[in-house]
Amino acid sequence: MSRDPEQLIAKYGDPLVYTGPLRIRTGSEILRITSYLQRNLERVTIPFLVMHGTKDQVTDPFASQDLYRYAASEHKSLKLYDGYLHDLLFEPEWVDVAQDIIDWMDHMFNIIIM
């Protein structure tokens, strides 16, 4: 999840973070929407930012690349973080990741609103 052991302790030590087994309904919904999106990537038209760690072992970085590649959205961005794991905002460079989110939102605001 993260290359920073202290961040993992902080995250999983938080009583509000669920650490139990995957609930059946949650798993079912993840599979349902994943299957739907895989069949309908070209129908995605909303602006989006995809961010993915290249060493993520929870979700496949190639799926994020496919979303970016095949989505019809006019305003889409892909940011791959070399060597990062799954929880980008818990990685040692989380400030840079957060800044990338802010920068993208600011850019989108200037395109859409201005």
N, C-alpha and C. Protein backbone atom coordinates (compact mmCIF):
# COMPACT_ATOMS: atom_id res chain seq x y z
N MET A 1 0.81 -1.19 0.00
CA MET A 1 0.00 0.00 0.00
C MET A 1 0.86 1.27 0.00
N SER A 2 1.94 1.26 0.74
CA SER A 2 2.83 2.43 0.82
C SER A 2 4.24 1.96 1.11
N ARG A 3 5.21 2.73 0.65
CA ARG A 3 6.61 2.43 0.93
C ARG A 3 7.05 3.02 2.26
N ASP A 4 6.17 3.75 2.93
CA ASP A 4 6.50 4.42 4.18
C ASP A 4 5.84 3.70 5.36
N PRO A 5 6.62 2.93 6.13
CA PRO A 5 6.04 2.17 7.25
C PRO A 5 5.29 3.04 8.26
N GLU A 6 5.77 4.24 8.51
CA GLU A 6 5.10 5.12 9.47
C GLU A 6 3.72 5.54 8.96
N GLN A 7 3.60 5.76 7.66
CA GLN A 7 2.30 6.11 7.09
C GLN A 7 1.33 4.94 7.21
N LEU A 8 1.83 3.72 7.02
CA LEU A 8 0.97 2.54 7.16
C LEU A 8 0.46 2.41 8.59
N ILE A 9 1.33 2.65 9.55
CA ILE A 9 0.92 2.59 10.96
C ILE A 9 -0.13 3.65 11.23
N ALA A 10 0.09 4.86 10.72
CA ALA A 10 -0.87 5.94 10.93
C ALA A 10 -2.22 5.61 10.28
N LYS A 11 -2.17 5.11 9.06
CA LYS A 11 -3.42 4.81 8.35
C LYS A 11 -4.19 3.70 9.04
N TYR A 12 -3.53 2.57 9.26
CA TYR A 12 -4.23 1.41 9.78
C TYR A 12 -4.43 1.46 11.30
N GLY A 13 -3.81 2.44 11.94
CA GLY A 13 -4.07 2.68 13.35
C GLY A 13 -5.28 3.56 13.57
N ASP A 14 -5.79 4.15 12.51
CA ASP A 14 -6.98 5.02 12.58
C ASP A 14 -8.22 4.14 12.73
N PRO A 15 -9.00 4.33 13.80
CA PRO A 15 -10.18 3.49 14.00
C PRO A 15 -11.26 3.67 12.93
N LEU A 16 -11.16 4.72 12.15
CA LEU A 16 -12.14 4.96 11.09
C LEU A 16 -11.78 4.23 9.78
N VAL A 17 -10.60 3.64 9.72
CA VAL A 17 -10.18 2.89 8.54
C VAL A 17 -10.59 1.43 8.72
N TYR A 18 -11.43 0.96 7.81
CA TYR A 18 -11.91 -0.42 7.86
C TYR A 18 -10.79 -1.37 7.42
N THR A 19 -10.49 -2.36 8.24
CA THR A 19 -9.42 -3.30 7.91
C THR A 19 -9.91 -4.75 7.87
N GLY A 20 -11.22 -4.93 7.93
CA GLY A 20 -11.77 -6.28 7.89
C GLY A 20 -11.79 -6.83 6.48
N PRO A 21 -12.38 -8.01 6.33
CA PRO A 21 -12.47 -8.62 5.00
C PRO A 21 -13.38 -7.81 4.08
N LEU A 22 -13.18 -7.97 2.80
CA LEU A 22 -14.01 -7.28 1.81
C LEU A 22 -15.45 -7.75 1.96
N ARG A 23 -16.35 -6.82 2.05
CA ARG A 23 -17.76 -7.17 2.18
C ARG A 23 -18.30 -7.64 0.84
N ILE A 24 -19.22 -8.58 0.87
CA ILE A 24 -19.76 -9.17 -0.35
C ILE A 24 -20.35 -8.11 -1.27
N ARG A 25 -21.15 -7.22 -0.74
CA ARG A 25 -21.80 -6.20 -1.59
C ARG A 25 -20.74 -5.27 -2.19
N THR A 26 -19.75 -4.89 -1.42
CA THR A 26 -18.69 -4.03 -1.93
C THR A 26 -17.95 -4.72 -3.06
N GLY A 27 -17.56 -5.98 -2.86
CA GLY A 27 -16.87 -6.73 -3.90
C GLY A 27 -17.72 -6.88 -5.14
N SER A 28 -19.00 -7.16 -4.95
CA SER A 28 -19.91 -7.31 -6.08
C SER A 28 -20.03 -6.02 -6.88
N GLU A 29 -20.13 -4.90 -6.20
CA GLU A 29 -20.25 -3.61 -6.88
C GLU A 29 -18.95 -3.23 -7.60
N ILE A 30 -17.82 -3.55 -7.00
CA ILE A 30 -16.53 -3.28 -7.67
C ILE A 30 -16.45 -4.08 -8.96
N LEU A 31 -16.81 -5.37 -8.89
CA LEU A 31 -16.78 -6.20 -10.09
C LEU A 31 -17.78 -5.72 -11.15
N ARG A 32 -18.97 -5.31 -10.70
CA ARG A 32 -20.00 -4.85 -11.63
C ARG A 32 -19.55 -3.59 -12.37
N ILE A 33 -19.08 -2.59 -11.65
CA ILE A 33 -18.72 -1.33 -12.30
C ILE A 33 -17.44 -1.49 -13.11
N THR A 34 -16.52 -2.34 -12.66
CA THR A 34 -15.30 -2.60 -13.43
C THR A 34 -15.65 -3.24 -14.77
N SER A 35 -16.51 -4.22 -14.73
CA SER A 35 -16.93 -4.89 -15.96
C SER A 35 -17.64 -3.92 -16.90
N TYR A 36 -18.51 -3.09 -16.34
CA TYR A 36 -19.23 -2.10 -17.15
C TYR A 36 -18.25 -1.12 -17.80
N LEU A 37 -17.32 -0.61 -17.01
CA LEU A 37 -16.36 0.36 -17.54
C LEU A 37 -15.49 -0.25 -18.62
N GLN A 38 -15.05 -1.48 -18.43
CA GLN A 38 -14.21 -2.13 -19.44
C GLN A 38 -14.94 -2.24 -20.77
N ARG A 39 -16.24 -2.44 -20.72
CA ARG A 39 -17.03 -2.55 -21.96
C ARG A 39 -17.41 -1.19 -22.54
N ASN A 40 -17.26 -0.13 -21.75
CA ASN A 40 -17.78 1.17 -22.17
C ASN A 40 -16.79 2.32 -22.00
N LEU A 41 -15.50 2.03 -22.06
CA LEU A 41 -14.50 3.09 -21.86
C LEU A 41 -14.70 4.25 -22.83
N GLU A 42 -15.05 3.94 -24.07
CA GLU A 42 -15.20 4.99 -25.08
C GLU A 42 -16.39 5.91 -24.80
N ARG A 43 -17.24 5.55 -23.86
CA ARG A 43 -18.40 6.38 -23.51
C ARG A 43 -18.10 7.35 -22.37
N VAL A 44 -16.93 7.26 -21.78
CA VAL A 44 -16.55 8.15 -20.68
C VAL A 44 -16.20 9.51 -21.28
N THR A 45 -16.97 10.53 -20.93
CA THR A 45 -16.77 11.85 -21.52
C THR A 45 -16.49 12.94 -20.49
N ILE A 46 -16.59 12.63 -19.22
CA ILE A 46 -16.35 13.64 -18.20
C ILE A 46 -14.84 13.88 -18.04
N PRO A 47 -14.45 15.06 -17.62
CA PRO A 47 -13.02 15.31 -17.35
C PRO A 47 -12.53 14.42 -16.21
N PHE A 48 -11.33 13.91 -16.32
CA PHE A 48 -10.79 13.09 -15.25
C PHE A 48 -9.27 13.13 -15.23
N LEU A 49 -8.76 12.83 -14.05
CA LEU A 49 -7.33 12.67 -13.81
C LEU A 49 -7.13 11.25 -13.28
N VAL A 50 -6.32 10.47 -13.96
CA VAL A 50 -5.97 9.13 -13.50
C VAL A 50 -4.56 9.19 -12.94
N MET A 51 -4.42 8.70 -11.72
CA MET A 51 -3.12 8.67 -11.06
C MET A 51 -2.88 7.25 -10.59
N HIS A 52 -1.68 6.73 -10.88
CA HIS A 52 -1.43 5.34 -10.53
C HIS A 52 0.05 5.11 -10.26
N GLY A 53 0.34 4.37 -9.24
CA GLY A 53 1.71 3.95 -8.96
C GLY A 53 2.08 2.77 -9.84
N THR A 54 3.25 2.80 -10.43
CA THR A 54 3.64 1.73 -11.36
C THR A 54 3.91 0.40 -10.65
N LYS A 55 4.14 0.43 -9.34
CA LYS A 55 4.38 -0.79 -8.57
C LYS A 55 3.16 -1.20 -7.75
N ASP A 56 2.01 -0.65 -8.08
CA ASP A 56 0.76 -0.98 -7.40
C ASP A 56 0.46 -2.47 -7.58
N GLN A 57 0.24 -3.17 -6.48
CA GLN A 57 -0.09 -4.60 -6.54
C GLN A 57 -1.55 -4.85 -6.18
N VAL A 58 -2.32 -3.79 -5.98
CA VAL A 58 -3.74 -3.93 -5.66
C VAL A 58 -4.58 -3.77 -6.92
N THR A 59 -4.27 -2.76 -7.70
CA THR A 59 -4.96 -2.54 -8.96
C THR A 59 -3.92 -2.41 -10.08
N ASP A 60 -4.32 -2.74 -11.28
CA ASP A 60 -3.40 -2.81 -12.40
C ASP A 60 -3.19 -1.45 -13.06
N PRO A 61 -1.96 -0.96 -13.09
CA PRO A 61 -1.70 0.32 -13.75
C PRO A 61 -2.10 0.32 -15.23
N PHE A 62 -2.08 -0.85 -15.87
CA PHE A 62 -2.48 -0.91 -17.27
C PHE A 62 -3.96 -0.59 -17.46
N ALA A 63 -4.78 -0.89 -16.46
CA ALA A 63 -6.20 -0.55 -16.54
C ALA A 63 -6.37 0.97 -16.56
N SER A 64 -5.58 1.67 -15.78
CA SER A 64 -5.63 3.13 -15.79
C SER A 64 -5.19 3.68 -17.14
N GLN A 65 -4.17 3.05 -17.71
CA GLN A 65 -3.69 3.48 -19.02
C GLN A 65 -4.76 3.24 -20.08
N ASP A 66 -5.49 2.13 -19.99
CA ASP A 66 -6.57 1.86 -20.93
C ASP A 66 -7.69 2.89 -20.80
N LEU A 67 -8.05 3.22 -19.57
CA LEU A 67 -9.07 4.25 -19.37
C LEU A 67 -8.66 5.53 -20.06
N TYR A 68 -7.43 5.95 -19.81
CA TYR A 68 -6.94 7.18 -20.43
C TYR A 68 -6.94 7.06 -21.97
N ARG A 69 -6.46 5.97 -22.47
CA ARG A 69 -6.31 5.77 -23.91
C ARG A 69 -7.66 5.75 -24.63
N TYR A 70 -8.64 5.05 -24.08
CA TYR A 70 -9.88 4.81 -24.81
C TYR A 70 -11.04 5.74 -24.45
N ALA A 71 -10.95 6.45 -23.35
CA ALA A 71 -12.04 7.34 -22.97
C ALA A 71 -12.19 8.47 -23.98
N ALA A 72 -13.43 8.86 -24.22
CA ALA A 72 -13.72 9.90 -25.20
C ALA A 72 -13.61 11.30 -24.61
N SER A 73 -13.33 11.40 -23.35
CA SER A 73 -13.25 12.70 -22.69
C SER A 73 -12.27 13.63 -23.40
N GLU A 74 -12.71 14.86 -23.57
CA GLU A 74 -11.84 15.88 -24.18
C GLU A 74 -10.75 16.32 -23.21
N HIS A 75 -11.07 16.29 -21.92
CA HIS A 75 -10.14 16.75 -20.89
C HIS A 75 -9.81 15.57 -19.97
N LYS A 76 -8.69 14.93 -20.27
CA LYS A 76 -8.27 13.79 -19.47
C LYS A 76 -6.76 13.85 -19.29
N SER A 77 -6.32 13.35 -18.14
CA SER A 77 -4.89 13.36 -17.83
C SER A 77 -4.51 12.05 -17.16
N LEU A 78 -3.30 11.60 -17.42
CA LEU A 78 -2.76 10.39 -16.82
C LEU A 78 -1.44 10.72 -16.18
N LYS A 79 -1.30 10.35 -14.92
CA LYS A 79 -0.05 10.59 -14.20
C LYS A 79 0.37 9.27 -13.56
N LEU A 80 1.47 8.70 -14.06
CA LEU A 80 2.02 7.48 -13.49
C LEU A 80 3.19 7.85 -12.59
N TYR A 81 3.22 7.26 -11.41
CA TYR A 81 4.27 7.54 -10.45
C TYR A 81 5.19 6.32 -10.37
N ASP A 82 6.38 6.48 -10.91
CA ASP A 82 7.34 5.37 -11.04
C ASP A 82 7.75 4.86 -9.66
N GLY A 83 7.48 3.58 -9.44
CA GLY A 83 7.89 2.94 -8.20
C GLY A 83 6.93 3.09 -7.04
N TYR A 84 5.90 3.90 -7.18
CA TYR A 84 4.95 4.11 -6.09
C TYR A 84 3.99 2.92 -6.01
N LEU A 85 3.42 2.73 -4.82
CA LEU A 85 2.48 1.65 -4.59
C LEU A 85 1.04 2.15 -4.70
N HIS A 86 0.12 1.51 -4.02
CA HIS A 86 -1.31 1.76 -4.22
C HIS A 86 -1.82 3.08 -3.61
N ASP A 87 -1.49 3.34 -2.37
CA ASP A 87 -2.02 4.53 -1.68
C ASP A 87 -1.11 5.73 -1.92
N LEU A 88 -1.35 6.41 -3.03
CA LEU A 88 -0.46 7.50 -3.43
C LEU A 88 -0.36 8.61 -2.38
N LEU A 89 -1.45 8.88 -1.69
CA LEU A 89 -1.42 9.94 -0.69
C LEU A 89 -0.83 9.49 0.65
N PHE A 90 -0.36 8.24 0.71
CA PHE A 90 0.35 7.74 1.88
C PHE A 90 1.80 7.40 1.55
N GLU A 91 2.21 7.71 0.33
CA GLU A 91 3.61 7.49 -0.06
C GLU A 91 4.46 8.62 0.53
N PRO A 92 5.78 8.41 0.64
CA PRO A 92 6.65 9.46 1.19
C PRO A 92 6.52 10.80 0.44
N GLU A 93 6.22 10.73 -0.85
CA GLU A 93 6.11 11.95 -1.68
C GLU A 93 4.67 12.44 -1.79
N TRP A 94 3.86 12.17 -0.76
CA TRP A 94 2.44 12.50 -0.83
C TRP A 94 2.18 13.98 -1.09
N VAL A 95 3.07 14.84 -0.64
CA VAL A 95 2.87 16.28 -0.87
C VAL A 95 2.91 16.58 -2.37
N ASP A 96 3.82 15.93 -3.10
CA ASP A 96 3.90 16.10 -4.55
C ASP A 96 2.64 15.56 -5.23
N VAL A 97 2.15 14.43 -4.76
CA VAL A 97 0.92 13.85 -5.31
C VAL A 97 -0.25 14.80 -5.08
N ALA A 98 -0.37 15.31 -3.87
CA ALA A 98 -1.45 16.25 -3.55
C ALA A 98 -1.34 17.51 -4.42
N GLN A 99 -0.12 17.97 -4.64
CA GLN A 99 0.07 19.15 -5.48
C GLN A 99 -0.33 18.86 -6.93
N ASP A 100 -0.07 17.67 -7.41
CA ASP A 100 -0.50 17.29 -8.76
C ASP A 100 -2.02 17.34 -8.88
N ILE A 101 -2.71 16.91 -7.83
CA ILE A 101 -4.18 16.98 -7.84
C ILE A 101 -4.65 18.43 -7.87
N ILE A 102 -4.06 19.24 -7.03
CA ILE A 102 -4.42 20.67 -6.98
C ILE A 102 -4.13 21.34 -8.32
N ASP A 103 -2.98 21.05 -8.89
CA ASP A 103 -2.61 21.65 -10.18
C ASP A 103 -3.60 21.25 -11.27
N TRP A 104 -4.00 19.97 -11.28
CA TRP A 104 -4.95 19.51 -12.30
C TRP A 104 -6.30 20.19 -12.12
N MET A 105 -6.74 20.28 -10.88
CA MET A 105 -8.03 20.94 -10.62
C MET A 105 -7.98 22.42 -11.01
N ASP A 106 -6.88 23.07 -10.70
CA ASP A 106 -6.71 24.47 -11.10
C ASP A 106 -6.72 24.62 -12.61
N HIS A 107 -6.03 23.73 -13.30
CA HIS A 107 -5.99 23.74 -14.77
C HIS A 107 -7.40 23.53 -15.32
N MET A 108 -8.12 22.57 -14.79
CA MET A 108 -9.48 22.30 -15.27
C MET A 108 -10.40 23.49 -15.00
N PHE A 109 -10.24 24.11 -13.85
CA PHE A 109 -11.05 25.30 -13.54
C PHE A 109 -10.82 26.37 -14.58
N ASN A 110 -9.56 26.59 -14.96
CA ASN A 110 -9.25 27.62 -15.94
C ASN A 110 -9.77 27.28 -17.33
N ILE A 111 -9.83 26.01 -17.67
CA ILE A 111 -10.35 25.60 -18.98
C ILE A 111 -11.87 25.68 -19.03
N ILE A 112 -12.51 25.14 -18.03
CA ILE A 112 -13.96 25.01 -18.05
C ILE A 112 -14.66 26.30 -17.66
N ILE A 113 -14.17 26.97 -16.65
CA ILE A 113 -14.85 28.16 -16.13
C ILE A 113 -14.44 29.42 -16.90
N MET A 114 -13.20 29.52 -17.25
CA MET A 114 -12.71 30.76 -17.87
C MET A 114 -13.05 30.84 -19.32
